[in-house]
Amino acid sequence: MRSLPILKPNSPEQNIELIRCSISGNLSGVQNAINNGSDINIVDANGISALIAASMAGHLDIVKFLVSNGADVTLKDQLGYDAYHSAMFYGDFKGAKTEPFNTIMSVVKYI
């Protein structure tokens, strides 16, 4: 598996805890951040959203939670990857054969 990117806030004041919890697999942290008013579509300095982060890391439960709570599946990071393509890339380009990435791809597919 490829190494996950280092998350960077857009500014020192930006709170990216939602994204950090998403990439680390902390579902309760994601839920708390959303309940405490975090923007579900917040992005870091590289354009990585919570949904993209969870897709990269293979956290299906967080992907499902974010999508069911209105996360934008069309957001793209600075490299042009959306959640679908992030899951494909981090699933070693075997997205249709590698769990949980193939399921994530079906959850976030919008095309």
N, C-alpha and C. Protein backbone atom coordinates (compact mmCIF):
# COMPACT_ATOMS: atom_id res chain seq x y z
N MET A 1 0.84 -1.18 0.00
CA MET A 1 0.00 0.00 0.00
C MET A 1 0.88 1.24 0.00
N ARG A 2 0.46 2.24 -0.72
CA ARG A 2 1.18 3.50 -0.78
C ARG A 2 1.04 4.25 0.54
N SER A 3 2.02 5.08 0.85
CA SER A 3 1.92 5.86 2.09
C SER A 3 0.91 6.98 1.91
N LEU A 4 0.21 7.27 2.97
CA LEU A 4 -0.82 8.31 2.94
C LEU A 4 -0.16 9.68 3.04
N PRO A 5 -0.79 10.70 2.45
CA PRO A 5 -0.20 12.04 2.47
C PRO A 5 -0.23 12.67 3.86
N ILE A 6 0.65 13.63 4.04
CA ILE A 6 0.66 14.42 5.26
C ILE A 6 -0.35 15.55 5.08
N LEU A 7 -1.26 15.67 6.02
CA LEU A 7 -2.29 16.70 5.94
C LEU A 7 -1.71 18.04 6.39
N LYS A 8 -2.09 19.11 5.67
CA LYS A 8 -1.60 20.45 5.99
C LYS A 8 -2.77 21.43 5.99
N PRO A 9 -2.94 22.18 7.08
CA PRO A 9 -4.00 23.19 7.09
C PRO A 9 -3.71 24.29 6.06
N ASN A 10 -4.76 24.94 5.57
CA ASN A 10 -4.60 26.08 4.66
C ASN A 10 -3.97 27.26 5.37
N SER A 11 -4.20 27.36 6.67
CA SER A 11 -3.65 28.44 7.49
C SER A 11 -3.45 27.89 8.89
N PRO A 12 -2.67 28.57 9.72
CA PRO A 12 -2.48 28.08 11.09
C PRO A 12 -3.79 28.00 11.88
N GLU A 13 -4.77 28.80 11.49
CA GLU A 13 -6.04 28.82 12.22
C GLU A 13 -7.01 27.72 11.78
N GLN A 14 -6.78 27.14 10.61
CA GLN A 14 -7.74 26.16 10.08
C GLN A 14 -7.71 24.88 10.92
N ASN A 15 -8.89 24.43 11.32
CA ASN A 15 -9.04 23.19 12.07
C ASN A 15 -9.35 22.06 11.09
N ILE A 16 -8.42 21.14 10.94
CA ILE A 16 -8.63 20.02 10.02
C ILE A 16 -8.77 18.69 10.77
N GLU A 17 -9.27 18.79 12.00
CA GLU A 17 -9.45 17.60 12.82
C GLU A 17 -10.36 16.57 12.15
N LEU A 18 -11.39 17.02 11.46
CA LEU A 18 -12.29 16.11 10.74
C LEU A 18 -11.50 15.29 9.73
N ILE A 19 -10.63 15.94 8.99
CA ILE A 19 -9.83 15.23 7.98
C ILE A 19 -8.85 14.28 8.67
N ARG A 20 -8.23 14.73 9.74
CA ARG A 20 -7.29 13.88 10.48
C ARG A 20 -7.99 12.62 11.01
N CYS A 21 -9.16 12.79 11.55
CA CYS A 21 -9.92 11.64 12.07
C CYS A 21 -10.33 10.71 10.94
N SER A 22 -10.65 11.26 9.79
CA SER A 22 -11.06 10.45 8.64
C SER A 22 -9.92 9.60 8.12
N ILE A 23 -8.73 10.17 8.04
CA ILE A 23 -7.59 9.40 7.51
C ILE A 23 -7.08 8.37 8.50
N SER A 24 -7.28 8.65 9.79
CA SER A 24 -6.78 7.72 10.81
C SER A 24 -7.79 6.63 11.17
N GLY A 25 -9.03 6.76 10.69
CA GLY A 25 -10.04 5.73 10.96
C GLY A 25 -10.80 5.93 12.25
N ASN A 26 -10.83 7.14 12.75
CA ASN A 26 -11.50 7.45 14.01
C ASN A 26 -12.94 7.90 13.75
N LEU A 27 -13.85 6.94 13.63
CA LEU A 27 -15.24 7.25 13.33
C LEU A 27 -15.88 8.13 14.39
N SER A 28 -15.64 7.85 15.65
CA SER A 28 -16.26 8.68 16.69
C SER A 28 -15.71 10.11 16.63
N GLY A 29 -14.46 10.28 16.28
CA GLY A 29 -13.90 11.62 16.10
C GLY A 29 -14.54 12.34 14.93
N VAL A 30 -14.80 11.61 13.84
CA VAL A 30 -15.49 12.19 12.68
C VAL A 30 -16.90 12.62 13.09
N GLN A 31 -17.61 11.75 13.78
CA GLN A 31 -18.97 12.07 14.22
C GLN A 31 -18.98 13.28 15.15
N ASN A 32 -18.03 13.32 16.09
CA ASN A 32 -17.95 14.46 17.00
C ASN A 32 -17.66 15.76 16.26
N ALA A 33 -16.73 15.71 15.32
CA ALA A 33 -16.39 16.91 14.56
C ALA A 33 -17.61 17.43 13.79
N ILE A 34 -18.36 16.53 13.17
CA ILE A 34 -19.57 16.94 12.43
C ILE A 34 -20.61 17.49 13.41
N ASN A 35 -20.82 16.80 14.52
CA ASN A 35 -21.79 17.26 15.52
C ASN A 35 -21.41 18.61 16.12
N ASN A 36 -20.11 18.91 16.14
CA ASN A 36 -19.65 20.18 16.69
C ASN A 36 -19.52 21.27 15.64
N GLY A 37 -20.07 21.02 14.45
CA GLY A 37 -20.16 22.06 13.44
C GLY A 37 -19.08 22.11 12.39
N SER A 38 -18.21 21.12 12.32
CA SER A 38 -17.19 21.12 11.27
C SER A 38 -17.85 21.02 9.90
N ASP A 39 -17.31 21.74 8.95
CA ASP A 39 -17.78 21.68 7.56
C ASP A 39 -17.41 20.31 7.00
N ILE A 40 -18.38 19.53 6.60
CA ILE A 40 -18.13 18.16 6.12
C ILE A 40 -17.28 18.16 4.86
N ASN A 41 -17.25 19.28 4.13
CA ASN A 41 -16.49 19.37 2.89
C ASN A 41 -15.21 20.21 3.02
N ILE A 42 -14.74 20.42 4.24
CA ILE A 42 -13.50 21.16 4.45
C ILE A 42 -12.36 20.46 3.72
N VAL A 43 -11.43 21.24 3.18
CA VAL A 43 -10.26 20.68 2.52
C VAL A 43 -8.99 21.28 3.11
N ASP A 44 -7.92 20.49 3.07
CA ASP A 44 -6.64 21.00 3.57
C ASP A 44 -5.92 21.74 2.44
N ALA A 45 -4.68 22.12 2.67
CA ALA A 45 -3.91 22.90 1.69
C ALA A 45 -3.69 22.16 0.37
N ASN A 46 -3.81 20.84 0.38
CA ASN A 46 -3.66 20.04 -0.84
C ASN A 46 -4.99 19.65 -1.46
N GLY A 47 -6.07 20.21 -0.92
CA GLY A 47 -7.40 19.92 -1.45
C GLY A 47 -7.97 18.60 -0.97
N ILE A 48 -7.37 17.99 0.03
CA ILE A 48 -7.85 16.70 0.54
C ILE A 48 -9.00 16.94 1.51
N SER A 49 -10.15 16.35 1.17
CA SER A 49 -11.33 16.44 2.03
C SER A 49 -11.36 15.23 2.96
N ALA A 50 -12.27 15.25 3.90
CA ALA A 50 -12.44 14.10 4.80
C ALA A 50 -12.82 12.85 4.01
N LEU A 51 -13.67 13.01 3.00
CA LEU A 51 -14.10 11.87 2.19
C LEU A 51 -12.94 11.31 1.38
N ILE A 52 -12.15 12.16 0.79
CA ILE A 52 -10.98 11.70 0.03
C ILE A 52 -10.01 11.00 0.97
N ALA A 53 -9.77 11.57 2.14
CA ALA A 53 -8.86 10.98 3.11
C ALA A 53 -9.32 9.58 3.54
N ALA A 54 -10.59 9.45 3.86
CA ALA A 54 -11.13 8.14 4.27
C ALA A 54 -11.06 7.14 3.12
N SER A 55 -11.29 7.60 1.90
CA SER A 55 -11.21 6.72 0.72
C SER A 55 -9.79 6.23 0.50
N MET A 56 -8.82 7.13 0.64
CA MET A 56 -7.41 6.75 0.48
C MET A 56 -7.01 5.68 1.49
N ALA A 57 -7.47 5.87 2.72
CA ALA A 57 -7.07 4.99 3.81
C ALA A 57 -7.88 3.71 3.89
N GLY A 58 -8.95 3.61 3.12
CA GLY A 58 -9.76 2.39 3.12
C GLY A 58 -10.70 2.26 4.29
N HIS A 59 -11.17 3.39 4.82
CA HIS A 59 -12.08 3.35 5.97
C HIS A 59 -13.54 3.42 5.48
N LEU A 60 -14.06 2.27 5.12
CA LEU A 60 -15.40 2.17 4.55
C LEU A 60 -16.47 2.74 5.46
N ASP A 61 -16.39 2.47 6.76
CA ASP A 61 -17.42 2.96 7.68
C ASP A 61 -17.46 4.50 7.68
N ILE A 62 -16.30 5.12 7.61
CA ILE A 62 -16.26 6.59 7.60
C ILE A 62 -16.74 7.11 6.26
N VAL A 63 -16.37 6.46 5.17
CA VAL A 63 -16.86 6.87 3.84
C VAL A 63 -18.38 6.84 3.83
N LYS A 64 -18.97 5.74 4.28
CA LYS A 64 -20.44 5.63 4.30
C LYS A 64 -21.07 6.70 5.18
N PHE A 65 -20.48 6.96 6.33
CA PHE A 65 -21.00 7.99 7.23
C PHE A 65 -20.95 9.36 6.56
N LEU A 66 -19.82 9.70 5.96
CA LEU A 66 -19.67 11.01 5.33
C LEU A 66 -20.64 11.18 4.16
N VAL A 67 -20.74 10.17 3.32
CA VAL A 67 -21.65 10.26 2.17
C VAL A 67 -23.09 10.38 2.64
N SER A 68 -23.47 9.60 3.63
CA SER A 68 -24.86 9.66 4.12
C SER A 68 -25.18 10.99 4.81
N ASN A 69 -24.13 11.72 5.19
CA ASN A 69 -24.34 13.02 5.82
C ASN A 69 -24.05 14.19 4.89
N GLY A 70 -23.97 13.91 3.60
CA GLY A 70 -23.90 14.97 2.60
C GLY A 70 -22.54 15.37 2.10
N ALA A 71 -21.50 14.57 2.32
CA ALA A 71 -20.19 14.91 1.79
C ALA A 71 -20.25 14.94 0.26
N ASP A 72 -19.56 15.89 -0.33
CA ASP A 72 -19.55 16.07 -1.78
C ASP A 72 -18.59 15.07 -2.41
N VAL A 73 -19.13 14.11 -3.16
CA VAL A 73 -18.31 13.08 -3.79
C VAL A 73 -17.56 13.60 -5.01
N THR A 74 -17.88 14.80 -5.47
CA THR A 74 -17.23 15.35 -6.67
C THR A 74 -16.00 16.21 -6.36
N LEU A 75 -15.73 16.49 -5.08
CA LEU A 75 -14.55 17.28 -4.74
C LEU A 75 -13.28 16.58 -5.21
N LYS A 76 -12.32 17.37 -5.70
CA LYS A 76 -11.03 16.81 -6.16
C LYS A 76 -9.90 17.51 -5.43
N ASP A 77 -8.84 16.74 -5.16
CA ASP A 77 -7.66 17.33 -4.54
C ASP A 77 -6.83 18.04 -5.61
N GLN A 78 -5.68 18.57 -5.24
CA GLN A 78 -4.85 19.33 -6.18
C GLN A 78 -4.30 18.48 -7.31
N LEU A 79 -4.25 17.18 -7.13
CA LEU A 79 -3.79 16.29 -8.19
C LEU A 79 -4.92 15.85 -9.12
N GLY A 80 -6.15 16.26 -8.79
CA GLY A 80 -7.31 15.91 -9.60
C GLY A 80 -8.00 14.63 -9.20
N TYR A 81 -7.64 14.08 -8.04
CA TYR A 81 -8.27 12.85 -7.57
C TYR A 81 -9.50 13.17 -6.72
N ASP A 82 -10.61 12.53 -7.03
CA ASP A 82 -11.79 12.59 -6.16
C ASP A 82 -11.76 11.34 -5.28
N ALA A 83 -12.78 11.14 -4.49
CA ALA A 83 -12.80 9.99 -3.57
C ALA A 83 -12.76 8.66 -4.33
N TYR A 84 -13.45 8.58 -5.45
CA TYR A 84 -13.47 7.36 -6.26
C TYR A 84 -12.06 7.01 -6.74
N HIS A 85 -11.40 7.99 -7.33
CA HIS A 85 -10.07 7.73 -7.88
C HIS A 85 -9.01 7.56 -6.79
N SER A 86 -9.23 8.19 -5.65
CA SER A 86 -8.32 7.97 -4.52
C SER A 86 -8.40 6.53 -4.05
N ALA A 87 -9.61 6.00 -3.95
CA ALA A 87 -9.79 4.60 -3.55
C ALA A 87 -9.15 3.67 -4.58
N MET A 88 -9.31 4.01 -5.85
CA MET A 88 -8.71 3.19 -6.91
C MET A 88 -7.18 3.22 -6.80
N PHE A 89 -6.62 4.41 -6.63
CA PHE A 89 -5.17 4.56 -6.56
C PHE A 89 -4.58 3.85 -5.34
N TYR A 90 -5.19 4.07 -4.18
CA TYR A 90 -4.66 3.47 -2.96
C TYR A 90 -4.98 1.98 -2.86
N GLY A 91 -5.88 1.50 -3.68
CA GLY A 91 -6.17 0.07 -3.76
C GLY A 91 -5.28 -0.62 -4.78
N ASP A 92 -4.15 0.02 -5.08
CA ASP A 92 -3.16 -0.53 -6.02
C ASP A 92 -3.73 -0.79 -7.41
N PHE A 93 -4.63 0.08 -7.84
CA PHE A 93 -5.25 -0.02 -9.16
C PHE A 93 -5.98 -1.35 -9.37
N LYS A 94 -6.36 -1.99 -8.29
CA LYS A 94 -7.15 -3.22 -8.37
C LYS A 94 -8.48 -2.99 -7.68
N GLY A 95 -8.98 -1.78 -7.78
CA GLY A 95 -10.18 -1.40 -7.06
C GLY A 95 -11.33 -2.36 -7.19
N ALA A 96 -11.49 -2.98 -8.33
CA ALA A 96 -12.60 -3.90 -8.52
C ALA A 96 -12.36 -5.24 -7.84
N LYS A 97 -11.13 -5.46 -7.34
CA LYS A 97 -10.80 -6.76 -6.77
C LYS A 97 -10.33 -6.68 -5.32
N THR A 98 -10.00 -5.50 -4.85
CA THR A 98 -9.41 -5.36 -3.53
C THR A 98 -10.38 -4.70 -2.56
N GLU A 99 -10.71 -5.39 -1.49
CA GLU A 99 -11.54 -4.81 -0.43
C GLU A 99 -10.65 -4.03 0.52
N PRO A 100 -11.14 -2.98 1.10
CA PRO A 100 -12.47 -2.39 0.99
C PRO A 100 -12.59 -1.38 -0.14
N PHE A 101 -11.52 -1.23 -0.93
CA PHE A 101 -11.48 -0.17 -1.93
C PHE A 101 -12.54 -0.32 -3.01
N ASN A 102 -12.84 -1.55 -3.43
CA ASN A 102 -13.88 -1.73 -4.45
C ASN A 102 -15.25 -1.30 -3.92
N THR A 103 -15.54 -1.57 -2.67
CA THR A 103 -16.82 -1.14 -2.09
C THR A 103 -16.84 0.37 -1.95
N ILE A 104 -15.73 0.96 -1.52
CA ILE A 104 -15.66 2.42 -1.42
C ILE A 104 -15.92 3.04 -2.78
N MET A 105 -15.33 2.49 -3.82
CA MET A 105 -15.54 3.03 -5.16
C MET A 105 -17.02 3.01 -5.55
N SER A 106 -17.73 1.97 -5.17
CA SER A 106 -19.16 1.91 -5.51
C SER A 106 -19.98 2.90 -4.66
N VAL A 107 -19.55 3.17 -3.43
CA VAL A 107 -20.27 4.11 -2.57
C VAL A 107 -20.12 5.55 -3.06
N VAL A 108 -18.94 5.90 -3.56
CA VAL A 108 -18.67 7.29 -3.93
C VAL A 108 -18.79 7.57 -5.43
N LYS A 109 -19.14 6.57 -6.21
CA LYS A 109 -19.23 6.76 -7.66
C LYS A 109 -20.36 7.73 -8.00
N TYR A 110 -20.07 8.67 -8.86
CA TYR A 110 -21.07 9.66 -9.25
C TYR A 110 -21.19 9.81 -10.76
N ILE A 111 -20.36 9.13 -11.50
CA ILE A 111 -20.35 9.27 -12.96
C ILE A 111 -21.46 8.44 -13.58
